[in-house]
Amino acid sequence: MNAASDIRSQATTLARDLGGPWQPDDADRNLALTLVLARDDNGGRLTARIITHILLNASWGLKPIGAMYQLMACTADFLDDPKQRESDAGREALDAVNRLLDTVAALPPDGI
């Protein structure tokens, strides 16, 4: 498997499991909201630099072992590779990540 399909699969699984096996907490919601706002401020594009900056500077109890953190760390690494990022599979992976971010960012405080 390549990075794009791994990222798409992980984002799709988290979206499917939302409210069931995966219960995002306020740290996940804050991460998603911060990334959505940064994405929108950047013309609708997430970059490795934006994601990495947010992950490194999170001050709201984000856990490096959490599913959302792990997905975004992998996405940042993936975005550093223009060949993968610009591929059809890469665009599909980023679409899945963006849909997940939009969904989690819209959750009320304290989760589902």
PDB file of N, CA and C in Angstrom:
ATOM      1  N   MET A   1       0.831  -1.184   0.000  1.00  0.00           N
ATOM      2  CA  MET A   1       0.000   0.000   0.000  1.00  0.00           C
ATOM      3  C   MET A   1       0.875   1.247   0.000  1.00  0.00           C
ATOM      4  N   ASN A   2       0.373   2.323  -0.609  1.00  0.00           N
ATOM      5  CA  ASN A   2       1.140   3.562  -0.582  1.00  0.00           C
ATOM      6  C   ASN A   2       0.544   4.535   0.424  1.00  0.00           C
ATOM      7  N   ALA A   3       1.238   5.632   0.640  1.00  0.00           N
ATOM      8  CA  ALA A   3       0.820   6.594   1.665  1.00  0.00           C
ATOM      9  C   ALA A   3      -0.568   7.154   1.384  1.00  0.00           C
ATOM     10  N   ALA A   4      -0.868   7.455   0.127  1.00  0.00           N
ATOM     11  CA  ALA A   4      -2.175   8.035  -0.204  1.00  0.00           C
ATOM     12  C   ALA A   4      -3.312   7.098   0.167  1.00  0.00           C
ATOM     13  N   SER A   5      -3.183   5.837  -0.182  1.00  0.00           N
ATOM     14  CA  SER A   5      -4.273   4.902   0.140  1.00  0.00           C
ATOM     15  C   SER A   5      -4.355   4.653   1.642  1.00  0.00           C
ATOM     16  N   ASP A   6      -3.217   4.659   2.331  1.00  0.00           N
ATOM     17  CA  ASP A   6      -3.229   4.510   3.795  1.00  0.00           C
ATOM     18  C   ASP A   6      -3.949   5.684   4.459  1.00  0.00           C
ATOM     19  N   ILE A   7      -3.648   6.886   4.007  1.00  0.00           N
ATOM     20  CA  ILE A   7      -4.265   8.083   4.582  1.00  0.00           C
ATOM     21  C   ILE A   7      -5.759   8.100   4.288  1.00  0.00           C
ATOM     22  N   ARG A   8      -6.130   7.827   3.042  1.00  0.00           N
ATOM     23  CA  ARG A   8      -7.554   7.792   2.684  1.00  0.00           C
ATOM     24  C   ARG A   8      -8.285   6.754   3.506  1.00  0.00           C
ATOM     25  N   SER A   9      -7.687   5.580   3.656  1.00  0.00           N
ATOM     26  CA  SER A   9      -8.300   4.505   4.433  1.00  0.00           C
ATOM     27  C   SER A   9      -8.471   4.906   5.897  1.00  0.00           C
ATOM     28  N   GLN A  10      -7.441   5.500   6.481  1.00  0.00           N
ATOM     29  CA  GLN A  10      -7.517   5.900   7.887  1.00  0.00           C
ATOM     30  C   GLN A  10      -8.562   6.997   8.087  1.00  0.00           C
ATOM     31  N   ALA A  11      -8.593   7.991   7.208  1.00  0.00           N
ATOM     32  CA  ALA A  11      -9.576   9.079   7.325  1.00  0.00           C
ATOM     33  C   ALA A  11     -10.992   8.545   7.158  1.00  0.00           C
ATOM     34  N   THR A  12     -11.186   7.646   6.209  1.00  0.00           N
ATOM     35  CA  THR A  12     -12.504   7.058   5.977  1.00  0.00           C
ATOM     36  C   THR A  12     -12.940   6.219   7.170  1.00  0.00           C
ATOM     37  N   THR A  13     -12.022   5.460   7.735  1.00  0.00           N
ATOM     38  CA  THR A  13     -12.338   4.634   8.910  1.00  0.00           C
ATOM     39  C   THR A  13     -12.717   5.507  10.100  1.00  0.00           C
ATOM     40  N   LEU A  14     -11.963   6.568  10.345  1.00  0.00           N
ATOM     41  CA  LEU A  14     -12.295   7.458  11.461  1.00  0.00           C
ATOM     42  C   LEU A  14     -13.665   8.100  11.255  1.00  0.00           C
ATOM     43  N   ALA A  15     -13.956   8.526  10.034  1.00  0.00           N
ATOM     44  CA  ALA A  15     -15.264   9.131   9.755  1.00  0.00           C
ATOM     45  C   ALA A  15     -16.381   8.119   9.980  1.00  0.00           C
ATOM     46  N   ARG A  16     -16.169   6.894   9.549  1.00  0.00           N
ATOM     47  CA  ARG A  16     -17.177   5.837   9.718  1.00  0.00           C
ATOM     48  C   ARG A  16     -17.370   5.495  11.191  1.00  0.00           C
ATOM     49  N   ASP A  17     -16.283   5.486  11.947  1.00  0.00           N
ATOM     50  CA  ASP A  17     -16.332   5.087  13.356  1.00  0.00           C
ATOM     51  C   ASP A  17     -16.673   6.239  14.298  1.00  0.00           C
ATOM     52  N   LEU A  18     -16.865   7.424  13.750  1.00  0.00           N
ATOM     53  CA  LEU A  18     -17.163   8.606  14.553  1.00  0.00           C
ATOM     54  C   LEU A  18     -18.412   8.384  15.398  1.00  0.00           C
ATOM     55  N   GLY A  19     -18.262   8.542  16.693  1.00  0.00           N
ATOM     56  CA  GLY A  19     -19.389   8.363  17.605  1.00  0.00           C
ATOM     57  C   GLY A  19     -19.586   6.933  18.049  1.00  0.00           C
ATOM     58  N   GLY A  20     -18.877   6.007  17.412  1.00  0.00           N
ATOM     59  CA  GLY A  20     -18.927   4.608  17.816  1.00  0.00           C
ATOM     60  C   GLY A  20     -17.596   4.244  18.438  1.00  0.00           C
ATOM     61  N   PRO A  21     -16.816   3.403  17.727  1.00  0.00           N
ATOM     62  CA  PRO A  21     -15.514   3.020  18.270  1.00  0.00           C
ATOM     63  C   PRO A  21     -14.568   4.212  18.474  1.00  0.00           C
ATOM     64  N   TRP A  22     -14.695   5.234  17.634  1.00  0.00           N
ATOM     65  CA  TRP A  22     -13.839   6.412  17.792  1.00  0.00           C
ATOM     66  C   TRP A  22     -14.662   7.562  18.359  1.00  0.00           C
ATOM     67  N   GLN A  23     -14.282   7.992  19.538  1.00  0.00           N
ATOM     68  CA  GLN A  23     -14.936   9.114  20.213  1.00  0.00           C
ATOM     69  C   GLN A  23     -13.951  10.285  20.259  1.00  0.00           C
ATOM     70  N   PRO A  24     -14.013  11.187  19.291  1.00  0.00           N
ATOM     71  CA  PRO A  24     -13.083  12.314  19.335  1.00  0.00           C
ATOM     72  C   PRO A  24     -13.342  13.176  20.565  1.00  0.00           C
ATOM     73  N   ASP A  25     -12.263  13.660  21.163  1.00  0.00           N
ATOM     74  CA  ASP A  25     -12.411  14.518  22.335  1.00  0.00           C
ATOM     75  C   ASP A  25     -12.216  15.979  21.921  1.00  0.00           C
ATOM     76  N   ASP A  26     -12.221  16.860  22.913  1.00  0.00           N
ATOM     77  CA  ASP A  26     -12.076  18.283  22.605  1.00  0.00           C
ATOM     78  C   ASP A  26     -10.743  18.593  21.936  1.00  0.00           C
ATOM     79  N   ALA A  27      -9.690  17.856  22.278  1.00  0.00           N
ATOM     80  CA  ALA A  27      -8.393  18.082  21.637  1.00  0.00           C
ATOM     81  C   ALA A  27      -8.480  17.757  20.145  1.00  0.00           C
ATOM     82  N   ASP A  28      -9.170  16.663  19.790  1.00  0.00           N
ATOM     83  CA  ASP A  28      -9.358  16.318  18.378  1.00  0.00           C
ATOM     84  C   ASP A  28     -10.172  17.399  17.670  1.00  0.00           C
ATOM     85  N   ARG A  29     -11.244  17.840  18.332  1.00  0.00           N
ATOM     86  CA  ARG A  29     -12.101  18.870  17.750  1.00  0.00           C
ATOM     87  C   ARG A  29     -11.313  20.168  17.556  1.00  0.00           C
ATOM     88  N   ASN A  30     -10.534  20.557  18.558  1.00  0.00           N
ATOM     89  CA  ASN A  30      -9.733  21.778  18.442  1.00  0.00           C
ATOM     90  C   ASN A  30      -8.700  21.666  17.332  1.00  0.00           C
ATOM     91  N   LEU A  31      -8.088  20.492  17.199  1.00  0.00           N
ATOM     92  CA  LEU A  31      -7.136  20.275  16.111  1.00  0.00           C
ATOM     93  C   LEU A  31      -7.836  20.427  14.765  1.00  0.00           C
ATOM     94  N   ALA A  32      -8.981  19.763  14.612  1.00  0.00           N
ATOM     95  CA  ALA A  32      -9.718  19.836  13.351  1.00  0.00           C
ATOM     96  C   ALA A  32     -10.132  21.274  13.046  1.00  0.00           C
ATOM     97  N   LEU A  33     -10.655  21.961  14.033  1.00  0.00           N
ATOM     98  CA  LEU A  33     -11.098  23.340  13.831  1.00  0.00           C
ATOM     99  C   LEU A  33      -9.929  24.247  13.452  1.00  0.00           C
ATOM    100  N   THR A  34      -8.812  24.097  14.127  1.00  0.00           N
ATOM    101  CA  THR A  34      -7.629  24.903  13.821  1.00  0.00           C
ATOM    102  C   THR A  34      -7.133  24.624  12.409  1.00  0.00           C
ATOM    103  N   LEU A  35      -7.129  23.350  12.011  1.00  0.00           N
ATOM    104  CA  LEU A  35      -6.686  22.993  10.659  1.00  0.00           C
ATOM    105  C   LEU A  35      -7.657  23.500   9.597  1.00  0.00           C
ATOM    106  N   VAL A  36      -8.955  23.420   9.857  1.00  0.00           N
ATOM    107  CA  VAL A  36      -9.951  23.926   8.900  1.00  0.00           C
ATOM    108  C   VAL A  36      -9.774  25.436   8.715  1.00  0.00           C
ATOM    109  N   LEU A  37      -9.618  26.161   9.807  1.00  0.00           N
ATOM    110  CA  LEU A  37      -9.428  27.614   9.705  1.00  0.00           C
ATOM    111  C   LEU A  37      -8.135  27.952   8.964  1.00  0.00           C
ATOM    112  N   ALA A  38      -7.058  27.230   9.265  1.00  0.00           N
ATOM    113  CA  ALA A  38      -5.784  27.457   8.573  1.00  0.00           C
ATOM    114  C   ALA A  38      -5.904  27.108   7.093  1.00  0.00           C
ATOM    115  N   ARG A  39      -6.598  26.013   6.804  1.00  0.00           N
ATOM    116  CA  ARG A  39      -6.817  25.611   5.406  1.00  0.00           C
ATOM    117  C   ARG A  39      -7.584  26.697   4.664  1.00  0.00           C
ATOM    118  N   ASP A  40      -8.654  27.182   5.276  1.00  0.00           N
ATOM    119  CA  ASP A  40      -9.476  28.195   4.622  1.00  0.00           C
ATOM    120  C   ASP A  40      -8.711  29.506   4.439  1.00  0.00           C
ATOM    121  N   ASP A  41      -7.859  29.848   5.397  1.00  0.00           N
ATOM    122  CA  ASP A  41      -7.025  31.049   5.279  1.00  0.00           C
ATOM    123  C   ASP A  41      -5.965  30.899   4.195  1.00  0.00           C
ATOM    124  N   ASN A  42      -5.661  29.667   3.827  1.00  0.00           N
ATOM    125  CA  ASN A  42      -4.628  29.382   2.828  1.00  0.00           C
ATOM    126  C   ASN A  42      -5.250  29.008   1.482  1.00  0.00           C
ATOM    127  N   GLY A  43      -6.392  29.537   1.183  1.00  0.00           N
ATOM    128  CA  GLY A  43      -7.016  29.281  -0.113  1.00  0.00           C
ATOM    129  C   GLY A  43      -7.555  27.878  -0.274  1.00  0.00           C
ATOM    130  N   GLY A  44      -7.904  27.233   0.823  1.00  0.00           N
ATOM    131  CA  GLY A  44      -8.483  25.894   0.751  1.00  0.00           C
ATOM    132  C   GLY A  44      -7.470  24.767   0.689  1.00  0.00           C
ATOM    133  N   ARG A  45      -6.208  25.085   0.928  1.00  0.00           N
ATOM    134  CA  ARG A  45      -5.155  24.062   0.849  1.00  0.00           C
ATOM    135  C   ARG A  45      -4.462  23.878   2.185  1.00  0.00           C
ATOM    136  N   LEU A  46      -4.309  22.632   2.570  1.00  0.00           N
ATOM    137  CA  LEU A  46      -3.444  22.298   3.698  1.00  0.00           C
ATOM    138  C   LEU A  46      -2.051  22.043   3.152  1.00  0.00           C
ATOM    139  N   THR A  47      -1.055  22.435   3.896  1.00  0.00           N
ATOM    140  CA  THR A  47       0.325  22.153   3.514  1.00  0.00           C
ATOM    141  C   THR A  47       1.009  21.426   4.666  1.00  0.00           C
ATOM    142  N   ALA A  48       2.109  20.782   4.350  1.00  0.00           N
ATOM    143  CA  ALA A  48       2.885  20.101   5.391  1.00  0.00           C
ATOM    144  C   ALA A  48       3.327  21.105   6.449  1.00  0.00           C
ATOM    145  N   ARG A  49       3.722  22.273   6.016  1.00  0.00           N
ATOM    146  CA  ARG A  49       4.195  23.300   6.951  1.00  0.00           C
ATOM    147  C   ARG A  49       3.084  23.730   7.917  1.00  0.00           C
ATOM    148  N   ILE A  50       1.886  23.944   7.405  1.00  0.00           N
ATOM    149  CA  ILE A  50       0.758  24.348   8.255  1.00  0.00           C
ATOM    150  C   ILE A  50       0.450  23.258   9.272  1.00  0.00           C
ATOM    151  N   ILE A  51       0.327  22.029   8.799  1.00  0.00           N
ATOM    152  CA  ILE A  51      -0.020  20.920   9.697  1.00  0.00           C
ATOM    153  C   ILE A  51       1.051  20.743  10.769  1.00  0.00           C
ATOM    154  N   THR A  52       2.307  20.726  10.352  1.00  0.00           N
ATOM    155  CA  THR A  52       3.403  20.529  11.298  1.00  0.00           C
ATOM    156  C   THR A  52       3.437  21.644  12.334  1.00  0.00           C
ATOM    157  N   HIS A  53       3.267  22.871  11.890  1.00  0.00           N
ATOM    158  CA  HIS A  53       3.261  24.005  12.821  1.00  0.00           C
ATOM    159  C   HIS A  53       2.147  23.846  13.861  1.00  0.00           C
ATOM    160  N   ILE A  54       0.968  23.476  13.415  1.00  0.00           N
ATOM    161  CA  ILE A  54      -0.161  23.319  14.339  1.00  0.00           C
ATOM    162  C   ILE A  54       0.079  22.148  15.291  1.00  0.00           C
ATOM    163  N   LEU A  55       0.572  21.029  14.776  1.00  0.00           N
ATOM    164  CA  LEU A  55       0.836  19.877  15.650  1.00  0.00           C
ATOM    165  C   LEU A  55       1.892  20.202  16.707  1.00  0.00           C
ATOM    166  N   LEU A  56       2.924  20.925  16.310  1.00  0.00           N
ATOM    167  CA  LEU A  56       4.010  21.244  17.245  1.00  0.00           C
ATOM    168  C   LEU A  56       3.630  22.311  18.263  1.00  0.00           C
ATOM    169  N   ASN A  57       2.646  23.131  17.932  1.00  0.00           N
ATOM    170  CA  ASN A  57       2.288  24.242  18.807  1.00  0.00           C
ATOM    171  C   ASN A  57       0.945  24.072  19.497  1.00  0.00           C
ATOM    172  N   ALA A  58       0.357  22.901  19.385  1.00  0.00           N
ATOM    173  CA  ALA A  58      -0.937  22.661  20.034  1.00  0.00           C
ATOM    174  C   ALA A  58      -0.783  22.787  21.543  1.00  0.00           C
ATOM    175  N   SER A  59      -1.679  23.541  22.136  1.00  0.00           N
ATOM    176  CA  SER A  59      -1.596  23.751  23.584  1.00  0.00           C
ATOM    177  C   SER A  59      -2.865  23.290  24.294  1.00  0.00           C
ATOM    178  N   TRP A  60      -3.627  22.445  23.651  1.00  0.00           N
ATOM    179  CA  TRP A  60      -4.914  22.052  24.224  1.00  0.00           C
ATOM    180  C   TRP A  60      -4.985  20.576  24.589  1.00  0.00           C
ATOM    181  N   GLY A  61      -3.882  19.976  24.950  1.00  0.00           N
ATOM    182  CA  GLY A  61      -3.880  18.599  25.432  1.00  0.00           C
ATOM    183  C   GLY A  61      -3.932  17.546  24.347  1.00  0.00           C
ATOM    184  N   LEU A  62      -3.446  17.877  23.158  1.00  0.00           N
ATOM    185  CA  LEU A  62      -3.426  16.925  22.053  1.00  0.00           C
ATOM    186  C   LEU A  62      -2.444  15.804  22.366  1.00  0.00           C
ATOM    187  N   LYS A  63      -2.876  14.559  22.164  1.00  0.00           N
ATOM    188  CA  LYS A  63      -2.036  13.401  22.471  1.00  0.00           C
ATOM    189  C   LYS A  63      -1.357  12.892  21.200  1.00  0.00           C
ATOM    190  N   PRO A  64      -0.010  12.819  21.182  1.00  0.00           N
ATOM    191  CA  PRO A  64       0.690  12.339  19.996  1.00  0.00           C
ATOM    192  C   PRO A  64       0.337  10.902  19.623  1.00  0.00           C
ATOM    193  N   ILE A  65      -0.296  10.171  20.526  1.00  0.00           N
ATOM    194  CA  ILE A  65      -0.675   8.794  20.204  1.00  0.00           C
ATOM    195  C   ILE A  65      -2.118   8.705  19.709  1.00  0.00           C
ATOM    196  N   GLY A  66      -2.836   9.826  19.708  1.00  0.00           N
ATOM    197  CA  GLY A  66      -4.233   9.820  19.285  1.00  0.00           C
ATOM    198  C   GLY A  66      -4.384   9.605  17.789  1.00  0.00           C
ATOM    199  N   ALA A  67      -5.529   9.070  17.392  1.00  0.00           N
ATOM    200  CA  ALA A  67      -5.791   8.745  15.988  1.00  0.00           C
ATOM    201  C   ALA A  67      -5.746   9.978  15.093  1.00  0.00           C
ATOM    202  N   MET A  68      -6.322  11.075  15.547  1.00  0.00           N
ATOM    203  CA  MET A  68      -6.358  12.291  14.741  1.00  0.00           C
ATOM    204  C   MET A  68      -4.952  12.862  14.571  1.00  0.00           C
ATOM    205  N   TYR A  69      -4.183  12.892  15.641  1.00  0.00           N
ATOM    206  CA  TYR A  69      -2.805  13.380  15.589  1.00  0.00           C
ATOM    207  C   TYR A  69      -2.000  12.526  14.606  1.00  0.00           C
ATOM    208  N   GLN A  70      -2.112  11.218  14.743  1.00  0.00           N
ATOM    209  CA  GLN A  70      -1.353  10.305  13.876  1.00  0.00           C
ATOM    210  C   GLN A  70      -1.719  10.507  12.403  1.00  0.00           C
ATOM    211  N   LEU A  71      -3.024  10.636  12.132  1.00  0.00           N
ATOM    212  CA  LEU A  71      -3.464  10.856  10.754  1.00  0.00           C
ATOM    213  C   LEU A  71      -2.868  12.147  10.206  1.00  0.00           C
ATOM    214  N   MET A  72      -2.899  13.204  10.982  1.00  0.00           N
ATOM    215  CA  MET A  72      -2.406  14.482  10.484  1.00  0.00           C
ATOM    216  C   MET A  72      -0.885  14.491  10.354  1.00  0.00           C
ATOM    217  N   ALA A  73      -0.174  13.798  11.224  1.00  0.00           N
ATOM    218  CA  ALA A  73       1.281  13.689  11.089  1.00  0.00           C
ATOM    219  C   ALA A  73       1.634  12.950   9.797  1.00  0.00           C
ATOM    220  N   CYS A  74       0.916  11.880   9.499  1.00  0.00           N
ATOM    221  CA  CYS A  74       1.134  11.136   8.247  1.00  0.00           C
ATOM    222  C   CYS A  74       0.772  11.998   7.043  1.00  0.00           C
ATOM    223  N   THR A  75      -0.299  12.769   7.167  1.00  0.00           N
ATOM    224  CA  THR A  75      -0.720  13.647   6.072  1.00  0.00           C
ATOM    225  C   THR A  75       0.342  14.707   5.804  1.00  0.00           C
ATOM    226  N   ALA A  76       0.945  15.260   6.848  1.00  0.00           N
ATOM    227  CA  ALA A  76       2.008  16.252   6.664  1.00  0.00           C
ATOM    228  C   ALA A  76       3.186  15.636   5.916  1.00  0.00           C
ATOM    229  N   ASP A  77       3.587  14.437   6.301  1.00  0.00           N
ATOM    230  CA  ASP A  77       4.680  13.751   5.596  1.00  0.00           C
ATOM    231  C   ASP A  77       4.313  13.525   4.135  1.00  0.00           C
ATOM    232  N   PHE A  78       3.098  13.098   3.902  1.00  0.00           N
ATOM    233  CA  PHE A  78       2.599  12.830   2.558  1.00  0.00           C
ATOM    234  C   PHE A  78       2.622  14.100   1.699  1.00  0.00           C
ATOM    235  N   LEU A  79       2.225  15.225   2.274  1.00  0.00           N
ATOM    236  CA  LEU A  79       2.170  16.480   1.521  1.00  0.00           C
ATOM    237  C   LEU A  79       3.546  16.973   1.102  1.00  0.00           C
ATOM    238  N   ASP A  80       4.595  16.485   1.748  1.00  0.00           N
ATOM    239  CA  ASP A  80       5.957  16.861   1.372  1.00  0.00           C
ATOM    240  C   ASP A  80       6.399  16.226   0.056  1.00  0.00           C
ATOM    241  N   ASP A  81       5.671  15.225  -0.418  1.00  0.00           N
ATOM    242  CA  ASP A  81       6.029  14.529  -1.657  1.00  0.00           C
ATOM    243  C   ASP A  81       5.100  14.984  -2.785  1.00  0.00           C
ATOM    244  N   PRO A  82       5.554  15.919  -3.640  1.00  0.00           N
ATOM    245  CA  PRO A  82       4.680  16.467  -4.676  1.00  0.00           C
ATOM    246  C   PRO A  82       4.139  15.407  -5.638  1.00  0.00           C
ATOM    247  N   LYS A  83       4.928  14.392  -5.914  1.00  0.00           N
ATOM    248  CA  LYS A  83       4.491  13.349  -6.847  1.00  0.00           C
ATOM    249  C   LYS A  83       3.256  12.631  -6.307  1.00  0.00           C
ATOM    250  N   GLN A  84       3.297  12.244  -5.038  1.00  0.00           N
ATOM    251  CA  GLN A  84       2.138  11.581  -4.433  1.00  0.00           C
ATOM    252  C   GLN A  84       0.982  12.551  -4.248  1.00  0.00           C
ATOM    253  N   ARG A  85       1.299  13.747  -3.774  1.00  0.00           N
ATOM    254  CA  ARG A  85       0.272  14.742  -3.469  1.00  0.00           C
ATOM    255  C   ARG A  85      -0.562  15.084  -4.699  1.00  0.00           C
ATOM    256  N   GLU A  86       0.075  15.164  -5.856  1.00  0.00           N
ATOM    257  CA  GLU A  86      -0.616  15.566  -7.081  1.00  0.00           C
ATOM    258  C   GLU A  86      -1.246  14.400  -7.841  1.00  0.00           C
ATOM    259  N   SER A  87      -1.049  13.191  -7.365  1.00  0.00           N
ATOM    260  CA  SER A  87      -1.641  12.029  -8.039  1.00  0.00           C
ATOM    261  C   SER A  87      -3.139  11.969  -7.761  1.00  0.00           C
ATOM    262  N   ASP A  88      -3.864  11.188  -8.564  1.00  0.00           N
ATOM    263  CA  ASP A  88      -5.302  11.011  -8.327  1.00  0.00           C
ATOM    264  C   ASP A  88      -5.548  10.440  -6.936  1.00  0.00           C
ATOM    265  N   ALA A  89      -4.764   9.438  -6.556  1.00  0.00           N
ATOM    266  CA  ALA A  89      -4.917   8.834  -5.227  1.00  0.00           C
ATOM    267  C   ALA A  89      -4.608   9.858  -4.134  1.00  0.00           C
ATOM    268  N   GLY A  90      -3.640  10.715  -4.383  1.00  0.00           N
ATOM    269  CA  GLY A  90      -3.293  11.760  -3.420  1.00  0.00           C
ATOM    270  C   GLY A  90      -4.418  12.756  -3.226  1.00  0.00           C
ATOM    271  N   ARG A  91      -5.036  13.156  -4.321  1.00  0.00           N
ATOM    272  CA  ARG A  91      -6.166  14.091  -4.220  1.00  0.00           C
ATOM    273  C   ARG A  91      -7.342  13.447  -3.491  1.00  0.00           C
ATOM    274  N   GLU A  92      -7.589  12.168  -3.752  1.00  0.00           N
ATOM    275  CA  GLU A  92      -8.666  11.456  -3.045  1.00  0.00           C
ATOM    276  C   GLU A  92      -8.370  11.374  -1.547  1.00  0.00           C
ATOM    277  N   ALA A  93      -7.113  11.125  -1.199  1.00  0.00           N
ATOM    278  CA  ALA A  93      -6.728  11.051   0.216  1.00  0.00           C
ATOM    279  C   ALA A  93      -6.952  12.394   0.902  1.00  0.00           C
ATOM    280  N   LEU A  94      -6.536  13.473   0.248  1.00  0.00           N
ATOM    281  CA  LEU A  94      -6.717  14.801   0.839  1.00  0.00           C
ATOM    282  C   LEU A  94      -8.193  15.169   0.946  1.00  0.00           C
ATOM    283  N   ASP A  95      -8.993  14.746  -0.024  1.00  0.00           N
ATOM    284  CA  ASP A  95     -10.445  14.976   0.068  1.00  0.00           C
ATOM    285  C   ASP A  95     -11.023  14.265   1.287  1.00  0.00           C
ATOM    286  N   ALA A  96     -10.591  13.027   1.524  1.00  0.00           N
ATOM    287  CA  ALA A  96     -11.083  12.265   2.683  1.00  0.00           C
ATOM    288  C   ALA A  96     -10.654  12.937   3.987  1.00  0.00           C
ATOM    289  N   VAL A  97      -9.426  13.418   4.044  1.00  0.00           N
ATOM    290  CA  VAL A  97      -8.938  14.119   5.241  1.00  0.00           C
ATOM    291  C   VAL A  97      -9.742  15.401   5.458  1.00  0.00           C
ATOM    292  N   ASN A  98      -9.971  16.158   4.390  1.00  0.00           N
ATOM    293  CA  ASN A  98     -10.722  17.408   4.521  1.00  0.00           C
ATOM    294  C   ASN A  98     -12.158  17.166   4.965  1.00  0.00           C
ATOM    295  N   ARG A  99     -12.794  16.121   4.454  1.00  0.00           N
ATOM    296  CA  ARG A  99     -14.160  15.794   4.892  1.00  0.00           C
ATOM    297  C   ARG A  99     -14.173  15.448   6.377  1.00  0.00           C
ATOM    298  N   LEU A 100     -13.195  14.660   6.810  1.00  0.00           N
ATOM    299  CA  LEU A 100     -13.109  14.301   8.227  1.00  0.00           C
ATOM    300  C   LEU A 100     -12.885  15.551   9.081  1.00  0.00           C
ATOM    301  N   LEU A 101     -11.972  16.413   8.666  1.00  0.00           N
ATOM    302  CA  LEU A 101     -11.711  17.637   9.427  1.00  0.00           C
ATOM    303  C   LEU A 101     -12.969  18.493   9.542  1.00  0.00           C
ATOM    304  N   ASP A 102     -13.691  18.644   8.436  1.00  0.00           N
ATOM    305  CA  ASP A 102     -14.924  19.439   8.461  1.00  0.00           C
ATOM    306  C   ASP A 102     -15.942  18.849   9.430  1.00  0.00           C
ATOM    307  N   THR A 103     -16.074  17.528   9.424  1.00  0.00           N
ATOM    308  CA  THR A 103     -17.036  16.856  10.298  1.00  0.00           C
ATOM    309  C   THR A 103     -16.657  17.010  11.764  1.00  0.00           C
ATOM    310  N   VAL A 104     -15.403  16.753  12.084  1.00  0.00           N
ATOM    311  CA  VAL A 104     -14.960  16.823  13.481  1.00  0.00           C
ATOM    312  C   VAL A 104     -14.970  18.272  13.973  1.00  0.00           C
ATOM    313  N   ALA A 105     -14.588  19.214  13.119  1.00  0.00           N
ATOM    314  CA  ALA A 105     -14.584  20.624  13.515  1.00  0.00           C
ATOM    315  C   ALA A 105     -15.987  21.116  13.857  1.00  0.00           C
ATOM    316  N   ALA A 106     -16.998  20.524  13.239  1.00  0.00           N
ATOM    317  CA  ALA A 106     -18.385  20.945  13.467  1.00  0.00           C
ATOM    318  C   ALA A 106     -19.003  20.332  14.724  1.00  0.00           C
ATOM    319  N   LEU A 107     -18.300  19.404  15.365  1.00  0.00           N
ATOM    320  CA  LEU A 107     -18.840  18.784  16.576  1.00  0.00           C
ATOM    321  C   LEU A 107     -18.940  19.813  17.698  1.00  0.00           C
ATOM    322  N   PRO A 108     -19.917  19.642  18.571  1.00  0.00           N
ATOM    323  CA  PRO A 108     -19.998  20.544  19.726  1.00  0.00           C
ATOM    324  C   PRO A 108     -18.856  20.257  20.700  1.00  0.00           C
ATOM    325  N   PRO A 109     -18.521  21.224  21.545  1.00  0.00           N
ATOM    326  CA  PRO A 109     -17.505  20.949  22.573  1.00  0.00           C
ATOM    327  C   PRO A 109     -17.908  19.725  23.390  1.00  0.00           C
ATOM    328  N   ASP A 110     -16.937  19.021  23.896  1.00  0.00           N
ATOM    329  CA  ASP A 110     -17.134  17.788  24.664  1.00  0.00           C
ATOM    330  C   ASP A 110     -17.615  16.634  23.800  1.00  0.00           C
ATOM    331  N   GLY A 111     -17.286  16.662  22.516  1.00  0.00           N
ATOM    332  CA  GLY A 111     -17.537  15.503  21.662  1.00  0.00           C
ATOM    333  C   GLY A 111     -18.948  15.378  21.149  1.00  0.00           C
ATOM    334  N   ILE A 112     -19.306  14.137  20.888  1.00  0.00           N
ATOM    335  CA  ILE A 112     -20.569  13.826  20.213  1.00  0.00           C
ATOM    336  C   ILE A 112     -21.719  13.866  21.185  1.00  0.00           C
TER     337      ILE A 112
END
